[in-house]
PDB file of N, CA and C in Angstrom:
ATOM      1  N   MET A   1     102.215 136.683  98.369  1.00  0.00           N
ATOM      2  CA  MET A   1     102.739 135.652  97.487  1.00  0.00           C
ATOM      3  C   MET A   1     101.572 134.784  97.024  1.00  0.00           C
ATOM      4  N   ASP A   2     101.532 134.492  95.743  1.00  0.00           N
ATOM      5  CA  ASP A   2     100.489 133.636  95.182  1.00  0.00           C
ATOM      6  C   ASP A   2     100.886 132.176  95.343  1.00  0.00           C
ATOM      7  N   HIS A   3      99.879 131.311  95.502  1.00  0.00           N
ATOM      8  CA  HIS A   3     100.103 129.875  95.591  1.00  0.00           C
ATOM      9  C   HIS A   3      99.384 129.205  94.441  1.00  0.00           C
ATOM     10  N   PHE A   4     100.040 128.205  93.860  1.00  0.00           N
ATOM     11  CA  PHE A   4      99.530 127.547  92.668  1.00  0.00           C
ATOM     12  C   PHE A   4      99.518 126.047  92.897  1.00  0.00           C
ATOM     13  N   GLY A   5      98.416 125.393  92.512  1.00  0.00           N
ATOM     14  CA  GLY A   5      98.341 123.944  92.627  1.00  0.00           C
ATOM     15  C   GLY A   5      97.767 123.350  91.360  1.00  0.00           C
ATOM     16  N   ILE A   6      98.173 122.118  91.073  1.00  0.00           N
ATOM     17  CA  ILE A   6      97.675 121.437  89.883  1.00  0.00           C
ATOM     18  C   ILE A   6      97.423 119.976  90.220  1.00  0.00           C
ATOM     19  N   ASP A   7      96.328 119.458  89.701  1.00  0.00           N
ATOM     20  CA  ASP A   7      95.969 118.058  89.876  1.00  0.00           C
ATOM     21  C   ASP A   7      95.769 117.490  88.480  1.00  0.00           C
ATOM     22  N   VAL A   8      96.611 116.564  88.083  1.00  0.00           N
ATOM     23  CA  VAL A   8      96.594 116.052  86.714  1.00  0.00           C
ATOM     24  C   VAL A   8      95.976 114.659  86.687  1.00  0.00           C
ATOM     25  N   HIS A   9      95.044 114.455  85.764  1.00  0.00           N
ATOM     26  CA  HIS A   9      94.414 113.156  85.547  1.00  0.00           C
ATOM     27  C   HIS A   9      94.573 112.782  84.090  1.00  0.00           C
ATOM     28  N   LYS A  10      94.029 111.632  83.699  1.00  0.00           N
ATOM     29  CA  LYS A  10      94.197 111.170  82.318  1.00  0.00           C
ATOM     30  C   LYS A  10      93.569 112.109  81.298  1.00  0.00           C
ATOM     31  N   LYS A  11      92.330 112.525  81.547  1.00  0.00           N
ATOM     32  CA  LYS A  11      91.619 113.304  80.538  1.00  0.00           C
ATOM     33  C   LYS A  11      91.670 114.808  80.761  1.00  0.00           C
ATOM     34  N   GLU A  12      91.781 115.221  82.016  1.00  0.00           N
ATOM     35  CA  GLU A  12      91.844 116.655  82.286  1.00  0.00           C
ATOM     36  C   GLU A  12      92.597 116.916  83.577  1.00  0.00           C
ATOM     37  N   GLY A  13      92.999 118.144  83.733  1.00  0.00           N
ATOM     38  CA  GLY A  13      93.679 118.554  84.943  1.00  0.00           C
ATOM     39  C   GLY A  13      92.957 119.744  85.551  1.00  0.00           C
ATOM     40  N   GLN A  14      93.218 120.002  86.811  1.00  0.00           N
ATOM     41  CA  GLN A  14      92.593 121.137  87.474  1.00  0.00           C
ATOM     42  C   GLN A  14      93.682 122.052  87.998  1.00  0.00           C
ATOM     43  N   LEU A  15      93.606 123.310  87.645  1.00  0.00           N
ATOM     44  CA  LEU A  15      94.542 124.320  88.107  1.00  0.00           C
ATOM     45  C   LEU A  15      93.847 125.166  89.163  1.00  0.00           C
ATOM     46  N   CYS A  16      94.572 125.513  90.203  1.00  0.00           N
ATOM     47  CA  CYS A  16      94.012 126.310  91.280  1.00  0.00           C
ATOM     48  C   CYS A  16      95.045 127.359  91.670  1.00  0.00           C
ATOM     49  N   LEU A  17      94.606 128.616  91.699  1.00  0.00           N
ATOM     50  CA  LEU A  17      95.498 129.719  92.037  1.00  0.00           C
ATOM     51  C   LEU A  17      94.889 130.494  93.198  1.00  0.00           C
ATOM     52  N   LEU A  18      95.642 130.635  94.270  1.00  0.00           N
ATOM     53  CA  LEU A  18      95.216 131.422  95.422  1.00  0.00           C
ATOM     54  C   LEU A  18      96.076 132.674  95.446  1.00  0.00           C
ATOM     55  N   ALA A  19      95.444 133.796  95.170  1.00  0.00           N
ATOM     56  CA  ALA A  19      96.162 135.066  95.119  1.00  0.00           C
ATOM     57  C   ALA A  19      96.459 135.553  96.532  1.00  0.00           C
ATOM     58  N   GLU A  20      97.401 136.460  96.625  1.00  0.00           N
ATOM     59  CA  GLU A  20      97.801 136.994  97.925  1.00  0.00           C
ATOM     60  C   GLU A  20      96.631 137.690  98.616  1.00  0.00           C
ATOM     61  N   ALA A  21      95.725 138.261  97.833  1.00  0.00           N
ATOM     62  CA  ALA A  21      94.552 138.962  98.390  1.00  0.00           C
ATOM     63  C   ALA A  21      93.491 137.981  98.873  1.00  0.00           C
ATOM     64  N   GLY A  22      93.672 136.675  98.628  1.00  0.00           N
ATOM     65  CA  GLY A  22      92.714 135.666  99.063  1.00  0.00           C
ATOM     66  C   GLY A  22      91.761 135.219  97.976  1.00  0.00           C
ATOM     67  N   GLU A  23      91.913 135.740  96.774  1.00  0.00           N
ATOM     68  CA  GLU A  23      91.045 135.365  95.659  1.00  0.00           C
ATOM     69  C   GLU A  23      91.445 133.989  95.136  1.00  0.00           C
ATOM     70  N   LEU A  24      90.457 133.086  95.012  1.00  0.00           N
ATOM     71  CA  LEU A  24      90.695 131.726  94.553  1.00  0.00           C
ATOM     72  C   LEU A  24      90.196 131.580  93.126  1.00  0.00           C
ATOM     73  N   THR A  25      91.075 131.124  92.240  1.00  0.00           N
ATOM     74  CA  THR A  25      90.714 130.912  90.844  1.00  0.00           C
ATOM     75  C   THR A  25      90.951 129.451  90.501  1.00  0.00           C
ATOM     76  N   GLU A  26      89.905 128.793  89.984  1.00  0.00           N
ATOM     77  CA  GLU A  26      90.026 127.400  89.566  1.00  0.00           C
ATOM     78  C   GLU A  26      89.734 127.295  88.082  1.00  0.00           C
ATOM     79  N   ARG A  27      90.420 126.363  87.428  1.00  0.00           N
ATOM     80  CA  ARG A  27      90.218 126.172  86.000  1.00  0.00           C
ATOM     81  C   ARG A  27      90.515 124.736  85.644  1.00  0.00           C
ATOM     82  N   ARG A  28      89.682 124.126  84.845  1.00  0.00           N
ATOM     83  CA  ARG A  28      89.915 122.768  84.350  1.00  0.00           C
ATOM     84  C   ARG A  28      90.451 122.864  82.927  1.00  0.00           C
ATOM     85  N   ILE A  29      91.456 122.058  82.642  1.00  0.00           N
ATOM     86  CA  ILE A  29      92.049 122.062  81.305  1.00  0.00           C
ATOM     87  C   ILE A  29      92.187 120.623  80.834  1.00  0.00           C
ATOM     88  N   GLY A  30      92.096 120.436  79.544  1.00  0.00           N
ATOM     89  CA  GLY A  30      92.314 119.110  78.973  1.00  0.00           C
ATOM     90  C   GLY A  30      93.794 118.769  79.010  1.00  0.00           C
ATOM     91  N   THR A  31      94.090 117.509  79.226  1.00  0.00           N
ATOM     92  CA  THR A  31      95.499 117.115  79.284  1.00  0.00           C
ATOM     93  C   THR A  31      95.969 116.787  77.871  1.00  0.00           C
ATOM     94  N   GLU A  32      96.526 117.773  77.247  1.00  0.00           N
ATOM     95  CA  GLU A  32      97.064 117.633  75.898  1.00  0.00           C
ATOM     96  C   GLU A  32      98.557 117.939  75.951  1.00  0.00           C
ATOM     97  N   GLU A  33      99.272 117.463  74.966  1.00  0.00           N
ATOM     98  CA  GLU A  33     100.714 117.697  74.936  1.00  0.00           C
ATOM     99  C   GLU A  33     101.032 119.188  74.918  1.00  0.00           C
ATOM    100  N   ARG A  34     100.259 119.957  74.127  1.00  0.00           N
ATOM    101  CA  ARG A  34     100.521 121.399  74.019  1.00  0.00           C
ATOM    102  C   ARG A  34     100.328 122.075  75.389  1.00  0.00           C
ATOM    103  N   CYS A  35      99.208 121.692  76.107  1.00  0.00           N
ATOM    104  CA  CYS A  35      98.977 122.312  77.439  1.00  0.00           C
ATOM    105  C   CYS A  35     100.132 122.030  78.372  1.00  0.00           C
ATOM    106  N   PHE A  36     100.684 120.726  78.399  1.00  0.00           N
ATOM    107  CA  PHE A  36     101.807 120.370  79.261  1.00  0.00           C
ATOM    108  C   PHE A  36     103.071 121.116  78.843  1.00  0.00           C
ATOM    109  N   ALA A  37     103.277 121.238  77.551  1.00  0.00           N
ATOM    110  CA  ALA A  37     104.476 121.941  77.078  1.00  0.00           C
ATOM    111  C   ALA A  37     104.466 123.399  77.543  1.00  0.00           C
ATOM    112  N   GLU A  38     103.294 124.043  77.443  1.00  0.00           N
ATOM    113  CA  GLU A  38     103.197 125.429  77.887  1.00  0.00           C
ATOM    114  C   GLU A  38     103.438 125.537  79.396  1.00  0.00           C
ATOM    115  N   SER A  39     102.906 124.591  80.160  1.00  0.00           N
ATOM    116  CA  SER A  39     103.096 124.604  81.612  1.00  0.00           C
ATOM    117  C   SER A  39     104.561 124.428  81.968  1.00  0.00           C
ATOM    118  N   CYS A  40     105.253 123.569  81.246  1.00  0.00           N
ATOM    119  CA  CYS A  40     106.680 123.361  81.496  1.00  0.00           C
ATOM    120  C   CYS A  40     107.471 124.633  81.197  1.00  0.00           C
ATOM    121  N   LEU A  41     107.096 125.316  80.112  1.00  0.00           N
ATOM    122  CA  LEU A  41     107.778 126.561  79.763  1.00  0.00           C
ATOM    123  C   LEU A  41     107.559 127.625  80.840  1.00  0.00           C
ATOM    124  N   LEU A  42     106.379 127.607  81.460  1.00  0.00           N
ATOM    125  CA  LEU A  42     106.076 128.580  82.508  1.00  0.00           C
ATOM    126  C   LEU A  42     106.726 128.217  83.838  1.00  0.00           C
ATOM    127  N   GLY A  43     107.248 127.003  83.936  1.00  0.00           N
ATOM    128  CA  GLY A  43     107.887 126.564  85.172  1.00  0.00           C
ATOM    129  C   GLY A  43     106.911 126.004  86.198  1.00  0.00           C
ATOM    130  N   ALA A  44     105.727 125.582  85.735  1.00  0.00           N
ATOM    131  CA  ALA A  44     104.718 125.046  86.658  1.00  0.00           C
ATOM    132  C   ALA A  44     105.083 123.653  87.165  1.00  0.00           C
ATOM    133  N   TYR A  45     105.915 122.935  86.452  1.00  0.00           N
ATOM    134  CA  TYR A  45     106.324 121.592  86.848  1.00  0.00           C
ATOM    135  C   TYR A  45     107.787 121.603  87.247  1.00  0.00           C
ATOM    136  N   ARG A  46     108.139 120.718  88.136  1.00  0.00           N
ATOM    137  CA  ARG A  46     109.549 120.553  88.472  1.00  0.00           C
ATOM    138  C   ARG A  46     109.949 119.138  88.041  1.00  0.00           C
ATOM    139  N   PRO A  47     111.224 118.912  87.788  1.00  0.00           N
ATOM    140  CA  PRO A  47     111.656 117.593  87.307  1.00  0.00           C
ATOM    141  C   PRO A  47     111.416 116.511  88.362  1.00  0.00           C
ATOM    142  N   VAL A  48     111.038 115.345  87.882  1.00  0.00           N
ATOM    143  CA  VAL A  48     110.836 114.188  88.748  1.00  0.00           C
ATOM    144  C   VAL A  48     111.840 113.128  88.340  1.00  0.00           C
ATOM    145  N   HIS A  49     112.514 112.559  89.324  1.00  0.00           N
ATOM    146  CA  HIS A  49     113.515 111.551  89.038  1.00  0.00           C
ATOM    147  C   HIS A  49     112.976 110.188  89.447  1.00  0.00           C
ATOM    148  N   GLY A  50     112.992 109.251  88.520  1.00  0.00           N
ATOM    149  CA  GLY A  50     112.531 107.899  88.814  1.00  0.00           C
ATOM    150  C   GLY A  50     113.613 107.089  89.508  1.00  0.00           C
ATOM    151  N   LEU A  51     113.177 106.027  90.177  1.00  0.00           N
ATOM    152  CA  LEU A  51     114.119 105.149  90.865  1.00  0.00           C
ATOM    153  C   LEU A  51     114.681 104.113  89.900  1.00  0.00           C
ATOM    154  N   SER A  52     115.900 103.704  90.164  1.00  0.00           N
ATOM    155  CA  SER A  52     116.489 102.634  89.363  1.00  0.00           C
ATOM    156  C   SER A  52     115.863 101.310  89.789  1.00  0.00           C
ATOM    157  N   ASP A  53     116.028 100.281  88.980  1.00  0.00           N
ATOM    158  CA  ASP A  53     115.508  98.953  89.322  1.00  0.00           C
ATOM    159  C   ASP A  53     116.104  98.458  90.630  1.00  0.00           C
ATOM    160  N   THR A  54     117.384  98.715  90.824  1.00  0.00           N
ATOM    161  CA  THR A  54     118.049  98.282  92.060  1.00  0.00           C
ATOM    162  C   THR A  54     117.437  98.964  93.269  1.00  0.00           C
ATOM    163  N   GLN A  55     117.226 100.278  93.179  1.00  0.00           N
ATOM    164  CA  GLN A  55     116.657 101.016  94.306  1.00  0.00           C
ATOM    165  C   GLN A  55     115.219 100.587  94.582  1.00  0.00           C
ATOM    166  N   ARG A  56     114.430 100.318  93.529  1.00  0.00           N
ATOM    167  CA  ARG A  56     113.060  99.824  93.728  1.00  0.00           C
ATOM    168  C   ARG A  56     113.077  98.488  94.445  1.00  0.00           C
ATOM    169  N   HIS A  57     114.023  97.621  94.082  1.00  0.00           N
ATOM    170  CA  HIS A  57     114.143  96.304  94.711  1.00  0.00           C
ATOM    171  C   HIS A  57     114.505  96.452  96.196  1.00  0.00           C
ATOM    172  N   VAL A  58     115.441  97.342  96.486  1.00  0.00           N
ATOM    173  CA  VAL A  58     115.847  97.572  97.879  1.00  0.00           C
ATOM    174  C   VAL A  58     114.666  98.100  98.691  1.00  0.00           C
ATOM    175  N   ARG A  59     113.928  99.062  98.137  1.00  0.00           N
ATOM    176  CA  ARG A  59     112.765  99.606  98.849  1.00  0.00           C
ATOM    177  C   ARG A  59     111.706  98.541  99.098  1.00  0.00           C
ATOM    178  N   ALA A  60     111.479  97.671  98.116  1.00  0.00           N
ATOM    179  CA  ALA A  60     110.496  96.595  98.283  1.00  0.00           C
ATOM    180  C   ALA A  60     110.919  95.659  99.413  1.00  0.00           C
ATOM    181  N   ARG A  61     112.197  95.292  99.437  1.00  0.00           N
ATOM    182  CA  ARG A  61     112.682  94.411 100.510  1.00  0.00           C
ATOM    183  C   ARG A  61     112.562  95.073 101.875  1.00  0.00           C
ATOM    184  N   LEU A  62     112.879  96.362 101.960  1.00  0.00           N
ATOM    185  CA  LEU A  62     112.752  97.077 103.226  1.00  0.00           C
ATOM    186  C   LEU A  62     111.289  97.161 103.677  1.00  0.00           C
ATOM    187  N   THR A  63     110.377  97.327 102.732  1.00  0.00           N
ATOM    188  CA  THR A  63     108.956  97.377 103.061  1.00  0.00           C
ATOM    189  C   THR A  63     108.475  96.040 103.606  1.00  0.00           C
ATOM    190  N   VAL A  64     108.896  94.956 102.978  1.00  0.00           N
ATOM    191  CA  VAL A  64     108.518  93.624 103.450  1.00  0.00           C
ATOM    192  C   VAL A  64     109.094  93.381 104.842  1.00  0.00           C
ATOM    193  N   ARG A  65     110.348  93.755 105.044  1.00  0.00           N
ATOM    194  CA  ARG A  65     110.975  93.564 106.362  1.00  0.00           C
ATOM    195  C   ARG A  65     110.242  94.364 107.427  1.00  0.00           C
ATOM    196  N   ASP A  66     109.923  95.612 107.119  1.00  0.00           N
ATOM    197  CA  ASP A  66     109.219  96.450 108.075  1.00  0.00           C
ATOM    198  C   ASP A  66     107.857  95.846 108.440  1.00  0.00           C
ATOM    199  N   THR A  67     107.153  95.310 107.459  1.00  0.00           N
ATOM    200  CA  THR A  67     105.857  94.681 107.708  1.00  0.00           C
ATOM    201  C   THR A  67     106.007  93.455 108.594  1.00  0.00           C
ATOM    202  N   ARG A  68     107.027  92.647 108.333  1.00  0.00           N
ATOM    203  CA  ARG A  68     107.255  91.459 109.162  1.00  0.00           C
ATOM    204  C   ARG A  68     107.586  91.840 110.602  1.00  0.00           C
ATOM    205  N   VAL A  69     108.416  92.848 110.797  1.00  0.00           N
ATOM    206  CA  VAL A  69     108.791  93.279 112.147  1.00  0.00           C
ATOM    207  C   VAL A  69     107.574  93.824 112.888  1.00  0.00           C
ATOM    208  N   ARG A  70     106.761  94.647 112.219  1.00  0.00           N
ATOM    209  CA  ARG A  70     105.560  95.190 112.855  1.00  0.00           C
ATOM    210  C   ARG A  70     104.581  94.078 113.232  1.00  0.00           C
ATOM    211  N   THR A  71     104.413  93.104 112.351  1.00  0.00           N
ATOM    212  CA  THR A  71     103.509  91.990 112.637  1.00  0.00           C
ATOM    213  C   THR A  71     104.013  91.181 113.822  1.00  0.00           C
ATOM    214  N   ARG A  72     105.302  90.882 113.845  1.00  0.00           N
ATOM    215  CA  ARG A  72     105.886  90.135 114.967  1.00  0.00           C
ATOM    216  C   ARG A  72     105.702  90.894 116.276  1.00  0.00           C
ATOM    217  N   THR A  73     105.939  92.194 116.250  1.00  0.00           N
ATOM    218  CA  THR A  73     105.772  93.016 117.446  1.00  0.00           C
ATOM    219  C   THR A  73     104.325  92.987 117.919  1.00  0.00           C
ATOM    220  N   TRP A  74     103.387  93.074 116.979  1.00  0.00           N
ATOM    221  CA  TRP A  74     101.972  93.048 117.336  1.00  0.00           C
ATOM    222  C   TRP A  74     101.603  91.718 117.996  1.00  0.00           C
ATOM    223  N   TYR A  75     102.071  90.605 117.431  1.00  0.00           N
ATOM    224  CA  TYR A  75     101.768  89.293 118.008  1.00  0.00           C
ATOM    225  C   TYR A  75     102.390  89.131 119.394  1.00  0.00           C
ATOM    226  N   ILE A  76     103.608  89.592 119.583  1.00  0.00           N
ATOM    227  CA  ILE A  76     104.250  89.506 120.899  1.00  0.00           C
ATOM    228  C   ILE A  76     103.438  90.292 121.924  1.00  0.00           C
ATOM    229  N   SER A  77     102.993  91.490 121.555  1.00  0.00           N
ATOM    230  CA  SER A  77     102.182  92.301 122.472  1.00  0.00           C
ATOM    231  C   SER A  77     100.864  91.603 122.799  1.00  0.00           C
ATOM    232  N   LEU A  78     100.246  91.005 121.798  1.00  0.00           N
ATOM    233  CA  LEU A  78      98.984  90.297 122.006  1.00  0.00           C
ATOM    234  C   LEU A  78      99.166  89.104 122.938  1.00  0.00           C
ATOM    235  N   ILE A  79     100.191  88.309 122.703  1.00  0.00           N
ATOM    236  CA  ILE A  79     100.444  87.136 123.541  1.00  0.00           C
ATOM    237  C   ILE A  79     100.749  87.549 124.969  1.00  0.00           C
ATOM    238  N   ARG A  80     101.557  88.590 125.150  1.00  0.00           N
ATOM    239  CA  ARG A  80     101.853  89.088 126.500  1.00  0.00           C
ATOM    240  C   ARG A  80     100.571  89.524 127.213  1.00  0.00           C
ATOM    241  N   ALA A  81      99.684  90.223 126.493  1.00  0.00           N
ATOM    242  CA  ALA A  81      98.435  90.691 127.096  1.00  0.00           C
ATOM    243  C   ALA A  81      97.548  89.516 127.500  1.00  0.00           C
ATOM    244  N   LEU A  82      97.460  88.500 126.643  1.00  0.00           N
ATOM    245  CA  LEU A  82      96.640  87.326 126.957  1.00  0.00           C
ATOM    246  C   LEU A  82      97.201  86.571 128.164  1.00  0.00           C
ATOM    247  N   LEU A  83      98.523  86.462 128.251  1.00  0.00           N
ATOM    248  CA  LEU A  83      99.130  85.792 129.402  1.00  0.00           C
ATOM    249  C   LEU A  83      98.944  86.613 130.680  1.00  0.00           C
ATOM    250  N   ARG A  84      99.048  87.951 130.558  1.00  0.00           N
ATOM    251  CA  ARG A  84      98.853  88.824 131.716  1.00  0.00           C
ATOM    252  C   ARG A  84      97.444  88.681 132.279  1.00  0.00           C
ATOM    253  N   GLN A  85      96.451  88.457 131.398  1.00  0.00           N
ATOM    254  CA  GLN A  85      95.078  88.258 131.857  1.00  0.00           C
ATOM    255  C   GLN A  85      94.977  87.041 132.771  1.00  0.00           C
ATOM    256  N   ARG A  86      95.849  86.074 132.569  1.00  0.00           N
ATOM    257  CA  ARG A  86      95.843  84.856 133.394  1.00  0.00           C
ATOM    258  C   ARG A  86      96.839  84.951 134.547  1.00  0.00           C
ATOM    259  N   GLY A  87      97.426  86.133 134.740  1.00  0.00           N
ATOM    260  CA  GLY A  87      98.348  86.326 135.844  1.00  0.00           C
ATOM    261  C   GLY A  87      99.746  85.808 135.576  1.00  0.00           C
ATOM    262  N   LEU A  88     100.084  85.601 134.325  1.00  0.00           N
ATOM    263  CA  LEU A  88     101.407  85.088 133.957  1.00  0.00           C
ATOM    264  C   LEU A  88     102.208  86.187 133.272  1.00  0.00           C
ATOM    265  N   SER A  89     103.519  86.086 133.371  1.00  0.00           N
ATOM    266  CA  SER A  89     104.379  87.050 132.690  1.00  0.00           C
ATOM    267  C   SER A  89     105.483  86.308 131.961  1.00  0.00           C
ATOM    268  N   VAL A  90     106.060  86.981 130.999  1.00  0.00           N
ATOM    269  CA  VAL A  90     107.169  86.420 130.217  1.00  0.00           C
ATOM    270  C   VAL A  90     108.370  87.318 130.446  1.00  0.00           C
ATOM    271  N   PRO A  91     109.522  86.749 130.786  1.00  0.00           N
ATOM    272  CA  PRO A  91     110.710  87.575 131.014  1.00  0.00           C
ATOM    273  C   PRO A  91     111.092  88.372 129.766  1.00  0.00           C
ATOM    274  N   ALA A  92     111.708  89.509 129.972  1.00  0.00           N
ATOM    275  CA  ALA A  92     112.163  90.353 128.864  1.00  0.00           C
ATOM    276  C   ALA A  92     113.298  89.671 128.121  1.00  0.00           C
ATOM    277  N   GLY A  93     113.462  90.033 126.869  1.00  0.00           N
ATOM    278  CA  GLY A  93     114.525  89.479 126.044  1.00  0.00           C
ATOM    279  C   GLY A  93     114.288  89.813 124.589  1.00  0.00           C
ATOM    280  N   SER A  94     115.034  89.177 123.726  1.00  0.00           N
ATOM    281  CA  SER A  94     114.941  89.468 122.298  1.00  0.00           C
ATOM    282  C   SER A  94     113.644  88.922 121.714  1.00  0.00           C
ATOM    283  N   ALA A  95     113.211  89.536 120.628  1.00  0.00           N
ATOM    284  CA  ALA A  95     111.991  89.084 119.952  1.00  0.00           C
ATOM    285  C   ALA A  95     112.182  87.691 119.356  1.00  0.00           C
ATOM    286  N   GLU A  96     113.407  87.398 118.901  1.00  0.00           N
ATOM    287  CA  GLU A  96     113.674  86.089 118.298  1.00  0.00           C
ATOM    288  C   GLU A  96     113.510  84.961 119.304  1.00  0.00           C
ATOM    289  N   ALA A  97     113.842  85.219 120.567  1.00  0.00           N
ATOM    290  CA  ALA A  97     113.769  84.176 121.594  1.00  0.00           C
ATOM    291  C   ALA A  97     112.433  84.176 122.338  1.00  0.00           C
ATOM    292  N   PHE A  98     111.513  85.043 121.963  1.00  0.00           N
ATOM    293  CA  PHE A  98     110.237  85.139 122.667  1.00  0.00           C
ATOM    294  C   PHE A  98     109.480  83.807 122.724  1.00  0.00           C
ATOM    295  N   PRO A  99     109.337  83.083 121.603  1.00  0.00           N
ATOM    296  CA  PRO A  99     108.606  81.806 121.686  1.00  0.00           C
ATOM    297  C   PRO A  99     109.222  80.841 122.694  1.00  0.00           C
ATOM    298  N   TRP A 100     110.541  80.808 122.777  1.00  0.00           N
ATOM    299  CA  TRP A 100     111.208  79.905 123.720  1.00  0.00           C
ATOM    300  C   TRP A 100     110.963  80.338 125.161  1.00  0.00           C
ATOM    301  N   ARG A 101     110.919  81.645 125.405  1.00  0.00           N
ATOM    302  CA  ARG A 101     110.637  82.122 126.759  1.00  0.00           C
ATOM    303  C   ARG A 101     109.209  81.799 127.167  1.00  0.00           C
ATOM    304  N   VAL A 102     108.269  81.877 126.205  1.00  0.00           N
ATOM    305  CA  VAL A 102     106.881  81.530 126.502  1.00  0.00           C
ATOM    306  C   VAL A 102     106.775  80.036 126.798  1.00  0.00           C
ATOM    307  N   LEU A 103     107.413  79.221 125.988  1.00  0.00           N
ATOM    308  CA  LEU A 103     107.333  77.773 126.168  1.00  0.00           C
ATOM    309  C   LEU A 103     108.056  77.311 127.429  1.00  0.00           C
ATOM    310  N   ALA A 104     109.000  78.092 127.915  1.00  0.00           N
ATOM    311  CA  ALA A 104     109.736  77.723 129.122  1.00  0.00           C
ATOM    312  C   ALA A 104     108.928  78.000 130.391  1.00  0.00           C
ATOM    313  N   ARG A 105     107.857  78.775 130.275  1.00  0.00           N
ATOM    314  CA  ARG A 105     107.016  79.073 131.435  1.00  0.00           C
ATOM    315  C   ARG A 105     106.250  77.828 131.857  1.00  0.00           C
ATOM    316  N   PRO A 106     106.198  77.527 133.153  1.00  0.00           N
ATOM    317  CA  PRO A 106     105.385  76.395 133.609  1.00  0.00           C
ATOM    318  C   PRO A 106     103.914  76.792 133.607  1.00  0.00           C
ATOM    319  N   LEU A 107     103.226  76.474 132.534  1.00  0.00           N
ATOM    320  CA  LEU A 107     101.813  76.806 132.409  1.00  0.00           C
ATOM    321  C   LEU A 107     100.959  75.665 132.953  1.00  0.00           C
ATOM    322  N   PRO A 108      99.756  75.956 133.428  1.00  0.00           N
ATOM    323  CA  PRO A 108      98.870  74.898 133.909  1.00  0.00           C
ATOM    324  C   PRO A 108      98.597  73.880 132.808  1.00  0.00           C
ATOM    325  N   GLY A 109      98.671  72.606 133.169  1.00  0.00           N
ATOM    326  CA  GLY A 109      98.415  71.557 132.188  1.00  0.00           C
ATOM    327  C   GLY A 109      99.638  71.163 131.386  1.00  0.00           C
ATOM    328  N   ARG A 110     100.797  71.708 131.707  1.00  0.00           N
ATOM    329  CA  ARG A 110     102.023  71.372 130.975  1.00  0.00           C
ATOM    330  C   ARG A 110     103.116  71.086 131.995  1.00  0.00           C
ATOM    331  N   CYS A 111     103.988  70.169 131.689  1.00  0.00           N
ATOM    332  CA  CYS A 111     105.034  69.819 132.640  1.00  0.00           C
ATOM    333  C   CYS A 111     105.950  71.006 132.910  1.00  0.00           C
ATOM    334  N   ALA A 112     106.595  71.000 134.058  1.00  0.00           N
ATOM    335  CA  ALA A 112     107.415  72.139 134.471  1.00  0.00           C
ATOM    336  C   ALA A 112     108.801  72.131 133.846  1.00  0.00           C
ATOM    337  N   ARG A 113     109.201  71.001 133.242  1.00  0.00           N
ATOM    338  CA  ARG A 113     110.533  70.975 132.620  1.00  0.00           C
ATOM    339  C   ARG A 113     110.527  71.793 131.338  1.00  0.00           C
ATOM    340  N   ARG A 114     111.697  72.151 130.897  1.00  0.00           N
ATOM    341  CA  ARG A 114     111.809  73.004 129.699  1.00  0.00           C
ATOM    342  C   ARG A 114     111.468  72.206 128.435  1.00  0.00           C
ATOM    343  N   TRP A 115     110.782  72.902 127.544  1.00  0.00           N
ATOM    344  CA  TRP A 115     110.448  72.339 126.228  1.00  0.00           C
ATOM    345  C   TRP A 115     111.713  72.280 125.421  1.00  0.00           C
ATOM    346  N   PRO A 116     111.985  71.338 124.552  1.00  0.00           N
ATOM    347  CA  PRO A 116     111.108  70.248 124.108  1.00  0.00           C
ATOM    348  C   PRO A 116     111.335  68.947 124.880  1.00  0.00           C
ATOM    349  N   ARG A 117     112.185  68.948 125.901  1.00  0.00           N
ATOM    350  CA  ARG A 117     112.503  67.698 126.580  1.00  0.00           C
ATOM    351  C   ARG A 117     111.302  67.067 127.276  1.00  0.00           C
ATOM    352  N   CYS A 118     110.321  67.890 127.661  1.00  0.00           N
ATOM    353  CA  CYS A 118     109.210  67.350 128.428  1.00  0.00           C
ATOM    354  C   CYS A 118     108.155  66.707 127.537  1.00  0.00           C
ATOM    355  N   TRP A 119     108.257  66.867 126.232  1.00  0.00           N
ATOM    356  CA  TRP A 119     107.252  66.271 125.345  1.00  0.00           C
ATOM    357  C   TRP A 119     107.558  64.801 125.148  1.00  0.00           C
ATOM    358  N   PRO A 120     106.508  63.981 125.064  1.00  0.00           N
ATOM    359  CA  PRO A 120     106.742  62.537 124.892  1.00  0.00           C
ATOM    360  C   PRO A 120     107.389  62.195 123.566  1.00  0.00           C
TER     361      PRO A 120
END
């Protein structure tokens, strides 16, 4: 079975054909309307479907959320590691309540009562 690849750029494209016998053929072609039309007729391209504005918006929001969750997870891991270096631990629980669990720990130099009541 032959394998065919194409890399399209603004001014030219590169076609690459790997024959079943192992022979590699490369060719550069100018990106002209006629060249694309002929390629479409030969079936070298498959249809591409664009996203709707709504779907693009949803994907953008999901990407931002994923980045925020990964960043929060990274900071929680970093803080736990820094506290472990000092021989302290933070009880397990939800990520949302992590700051409160850290502040509830009786750390050296801070009063033993729960925050925020112990602050002047």
